N, C-alpha and C. Protein backbone atom coordinates (compact mmCIF):
# COMPACT_ATOMS: atom_id res chain seq x y z
N MET A 1 221.59 -104.48 -1.97
CA MET A 1 222.02 -104.88 -0.99
C MET A 1 221.27 -105.92 0.34
N THR A 2 221.63 -106.84 0.36
CA THR A 2 221.13 -107.71 1.30
C THR A 2 221.57 -108.09 2.78
N HIS A 3 220.82 -107.74 3.70
CA HIS A 3 222.05 -107.59 4.72
C HIS A 3 220.34 -108.77 5.74
N GLU A 4 221.95 -109.89 6.71
CA GLU A 4 221.79 -111.16 7.15
C GLU A 4 220.52 -110.91 8.22
N VAL A 5 219.43 -111.43 8.62
CA VAL A 5 219.14 -111.19 9.82
C VAL A 5 219.72 -112.38 11.43
N ILE A 6 220.36 -112.09 11.80
CA ILE A 6 220.60 -113.19 13.45
C ILE A 6 220.23 -113.04 14.62
N LEU A 7 220.34 -113.75 15.15
CA LEU A 7 220.60 -113.67 16.80
C LEU A 7 221.60 -113.16 17.19
N PRO A 8 221.24 -111.69 17.40
CA PRO A 8 222.10 -111.45 18.71
C PRO A 8 222.53 -111.52 19.58
N LYS A 9 223.69 -111.18 19.89
CA LYS A 9 224.01 -111.36 21.30
C LYS A 9 223.67 -109.93 22.28
N THR A 10 222.92 -110.20 23.25
CA THR A 10 222.61 -108.88 23.58
C THR A 10 223.11 -109.50 25.07
N GLY A 11 223.69 -108.21 26.05
CA GLY A 11 224.99 -108.38 27.07
C GLY A 11 225.92 -108.98 26.85
N MET A 12 226.40 -110.45 28.01
CA MET A 12 227.41 -111.37 28.61
C MET A 12 226.59 -112.57 28.06
N TYR A 13 224.93 -113.01 26.86
CA TYR A 13 225.05 -114.12 27.18
C TYR A 13 225.47 -114.03 26.29
N GLU A 14 226.19 -115.26 25.77
CA GLU A 14 226.48 -116.23 24.78
C GLU A 14 225.50 -117.36 24.26
N GLY A 15 224.62 -118.03 24.83
CA GLY A 15 224.69 -119.55 24.05
C GLY A 15 223.05 -119.47 23.53
N SER A 16 223.12 -120.96 23.54
CA SER A 16 221.49 -120.55 21.86
C SER A 16 220.33 -119.78 22.91
N VAL A 17 219.77 -119.59 21.87
CA VAL A 17 218.28 -118.86 22.19
C VAL A 17 217.65 -119.44 21.48
N THR A 18 216.19 -119.19 21.25
CA THR A 18 214.94 -118.48 19.95
C THR A 18 214.69 -118.08 20.17
N LEU A 19 214.00 -119.08 18.74
CA LEU A 19 213.58 -117.34 18.13
C LEU A 19 212.23 -117.67 18.17
N THR A 20 210.91 -117.17 19.57
CA THR A 20 209.85 -117.25 19.76
C THR A 20 208.95 -116.83 17.85
N GLU A 21 208.75 -115.58 18.35
CA GLU A 21 207.91 -115.35 17.01
C GLU A 21 208.24 -114.01 15.87
N TRP A 22 207.97 -113.93 15.28
CA TRP A 22 208.56 -112.99 13.79
C TRP A 22 207.03 -112.05 14.27
N LEU A 23 208.07 -111.12 14.11
CA LEU A 23 206.39 -110.02 14.34
C LEU A 23 206.42 -109.11 12.55
N VAL A 24 206.53 -109.64 12.01
CA VAL A 24 206.64 -109.38 10.54
C VAL A 24 206.18 -110.95 9.77
N ASP A 25 205.53 -110.22 8.67
CA ASP A 25 205.54 -111.69 7.68
C ASP A 25 206.78 -111.66 7.14
N ASP A 26 206.62 -113.23 5.94
CA ASP A 26 207.59 -112.77 5.82
C ASP A 26 207.33 -112.69 4.12
N GLY A 27 208.16 -111.30 2.79
CA GLY A 27 207.80 -111.04 2.22
C GLY A 27 206.58 -109.61 2.35
N ASP A 28 206.96 -109.41 4.18
CA ASP A 28 206.34 -107.51 3.93
C ASP A 28 207.87 -106.60 4.84
N ASP A 29 207.11 -105.21 3.70
CA ASP A 29 208.52 -104.61 3.98
C ASP A 29 208.58 -103.96 4.98
N VAL A 30 209.63 -103.57 6.02
CA VAL A 30 209.83 -102.70 6.91
C VAL A 30 211.11 -102.54 7.23
N ILE A 31 210.65 -100.92 7.90
CA ILE A 31 211.68 -99.86 8.16
C ILE A 31 213.65 -100.18 9.53
N GLU A 32 213.68 -99.64 9.36
CA GLU A 32 215.23 -99.93 10.46
C GLU A 32 214.37 -99.31 10.97
N GLY A 33 214.52 -100.19 12.72
CA GLY A 33 214.86 -99.62 14.38
C GLY A 33 212.08 -100.27 14.13
N GLU A 34 212.37 -101.17 12.64
CA GLU A 34 211.14 -101.68 13.35
C GLU A 34 210.43 -102.83 13.88
N PRO A 35 210.08 -103.64 14.80
CA PRO A 35 210.27 -104.40 15.55
C PRO A 35 210.42 -105.62 14.60
N LEU A 36 211.16 -106.27 14.49
CA LEU A 36 211.11 -107.89 13.55
C LEU A 36 210.41 -109.66 14.35
N PHE A 37 211.66 -109.36 15.26
CA PHE A 37 211.28 -111.20 15.87
C PHE A 37 211.67 -110.23 17.15
N VAL A 38 210.78 -111.86 18.07
CA VAL A 38 210.80 -111.87 19.43
C VAL A 38 212.24 -113.65 19.76
N MET A 39 213.01 -113.08 20.33
CA MET A 39 213.50 -114.01 20.60
C MET A 39 214.13 -114.34 22.31
N GLU A 40 214.10 -115.37 22.91
CA GLU A 40 213.56 -115.56 24.64
C GLU A 40 215.00 -116.84 24.26
N SER A 41 216.05 -116.16 25.27
CA SER A 41 216.96 -117.11 26.12
C SER A 41 216.65 -118.08 27.31
N ASP A 42 217.13 -117.99 28.51
CA ASP A 42 216.36 -119.41 29.56
C ASP A 42 216.42 -118.33 30.72
N LYS A 43 216.92 -116.47 29.95
CA LYS A 43 216.41 -115.97 31.25
C LYS A 43 215.65 -114.64 30.92
N VAL A 44 215.45 -114.25 29.40
CA VAL A 44 214.59 -113.07 29.24
C VAL A 44 214.36 -113.48 27.77
N GLU A 45 213.35 -112.45 27.30
CA GLU A 45 212.22 -112.44 26.19
C GLU A 45 213.22 -111.66 25.65
N MET A 46 213.05 -110.94 24.61
CA MET A 46 213.34 -109.92 24.43
C MET A 46 213.20 -109.97 21.85
N GLU A 47 212.72 -108.44 22.01
CA GLU A 47 212.29 -108.12 21.01
C GLU A 47 212.75 -107.47 19.78
N ILE A 48 213.68 -107.98 19.11
CA ILE A 48 214.89 -107.18 18.38
C ILE A 48 214.29 -106.61 17.09
N GLU A 49 215.00 -105.35 16.82
CA GLU A 49 214.39 -104.39 15.34
C GLU A 49 215.51 -105.12 14.70
N ALA A 50 214.80 -104.13 13.29
CA ALA A 50 215.46 -104.12 11.84
C ALA A 50 216.88 -103.25 11.76
N GLU A 51 217.30 -103.53 11.31
CA GLU A 51 218.67 -102.76 11.43
C GLU A 51 219.22 -102.86 10.22
N ALA A 52 217.95 -103.00 8.91
CA ALA A 52 218.34 -102.81 8.06
C ALA A 52 216.48 -101.60 7.49
N SER A 53 216.29 -101.37 6.43
CA SER A 53 214.98 -101.30 5.87
C SER A 53 214.79 -102.30 4.37
N GLY A 54 214.03 -102.89 4.17
CA GLY A 54 213.62 -103.29 3.00
C GLY A 54 212.96 -104.59 3.22
N ARG A 55 212.85 -105.65 1.89
CA ARG A 55 211.98 -107.65 2.08
C ARG A 55 212.76 -108.72 3.53
N VAL A 56 211.88 -108.95 3.62
CA VAL A 56 212.44 -109.86 4.92
C VAL A 56 211.85 -111.36 4.36
N GLN A 57 213.31 -111.23 3.95
CA GLN A 57 212.96 -113.13 4.23
C GLN A 57 213.03 -114.29 5.47
N GLN A 58 212.25 -114.81 6.02
CA GLN A 58 212.38 -115.67 6.89
C GLN A 58 213.56 -116.71 6.38
N GLU A 59 214.28 -117.35 7.16
CA GLU A 59 214.64 -118.75 7.17
C GLU A 59 214.52 -119.22 7.93
N ALA A 60 213.85 -119.08 9.16
CA ALA A 60 213.46 -120.32 10.40
C ALA A 60 212.15 -119.75 10.82
N GLU A 61 211.41 -120.97 11.36
CA GLU A 61 210.25 -120.68 11.82
C GLU A 61 209.71 -120.54 13.56
N PRO A 62 209.31 -120.47 13.71
CA PRO A 62 209.50 -119.53 15.52
C PRO A 62 209.50 -121.06 15.70
N GLY A 63 209.94 -120.64 16.65
CA GLY A 63 210.34 -122.36 17.96
C GLY A 63 211.42 -122.98 17.70
N PHE A 64 212.69 -121.68 16.66
CA PHE A 64 213.86 -122.48 16.07
C PHE A 64 214.64 -122.31 17.57
N GLU A 65 216.17 -123.41 17.28
CA GLU A 65 217.09 -123.02 18.40
C GLU A 65 217.99 -122.46 17.69
N ALA A 66 219.26 -122.32 18.59
CA ALA A 66 220.88 -121.80 18.12
C ALA A 66 221.19 -120.92 18.09
N PRO A 67 222.44 -120.93 17.95
CA PRO A 67 223.56 -119.99 18.84
C PRO A 67 223.21 -119.32 18.45
N ILE A 68 223.45 -117.77 19.74
CA ILE A 68 223.79 -116.36 18.72
C ILE A 68 225.21 -116.35 17.46
N GLY A 69 224.30 -115.52 17.44
CA GLY A 69 225.27 -114.91 15.80
C GLY A 69 224.67 -116.25 14.22
N THR A 70 223.46 -117.04 14.34
CA THR A 70 223.00 -117.81 13.85
C THR A 70 222.63 -116.48 12.77
N ARG A 71 221.82 -117.08 11.27
CA ARG A 71 220.85 -116.91 10.24
C ARG A 71 219.80 -116.90 10.62
N ILE A 72 218.95 -115.95 10.14
CA ILE A 72 217.70 -116.32 10.50
C ILE A 72 216.63 -116.40 9.72
N GLY A 73 217.39 -115.16 8.29
CA GLY A 73 216.67 -114.53 7.36
C GLY A 73 217.16 -113.21 6.81
N VAL A 74 216.67 -113.13 5.75
CA VAL A 74 217.51 -111.63 5.46
C VAL A 74 216.76 -110.06 5.36
N ILE A 75 217.52 -109.02 5.33
CA ILE A 75 216.61 -108.10 5.10
C ILE A 75 217.35 -107.51 3.36
N ILE A 76 216.56 -107.57 2.03
CA ILE A 76 217.11 -106.81 0.98
C ILE A 76 216.47 -105.40 0.78
N GLU A 77 217.93 -105.23 0.79
CA GLU A 77 217.11 -103.87 0.13
C GLU A 77 216.48 -103.11 -1.18
N ALA A 78 215.96 -102.40 -0.85
CA ALA A 78 215.15 -101.35 -2.52
C ALA A 78 216.59 -101.17 -3.15
N PRO A 79 216.69 -101.16 -4.71
CA PRO A 79 217.74 -100.59 -5.23
C PRO A 79 217.89 -99.19 -5.48
């Protein structure tokens, strides 16, 4: 099963955010709840946790700016 990694909504903010850093490398395995990436809005920088366990495939580079809800990667769960 594949789980999308998106730039999540945080609080009331609904504008664009920036992916500032991946905390795991492309192709690494993660466990649900493990820190996955850091994103930044105009007011705050947040560490976002993995919502599933599996192998990470990154689809965006640090510095990528996009609206909340934009897909930046996937986590491919082990069968």
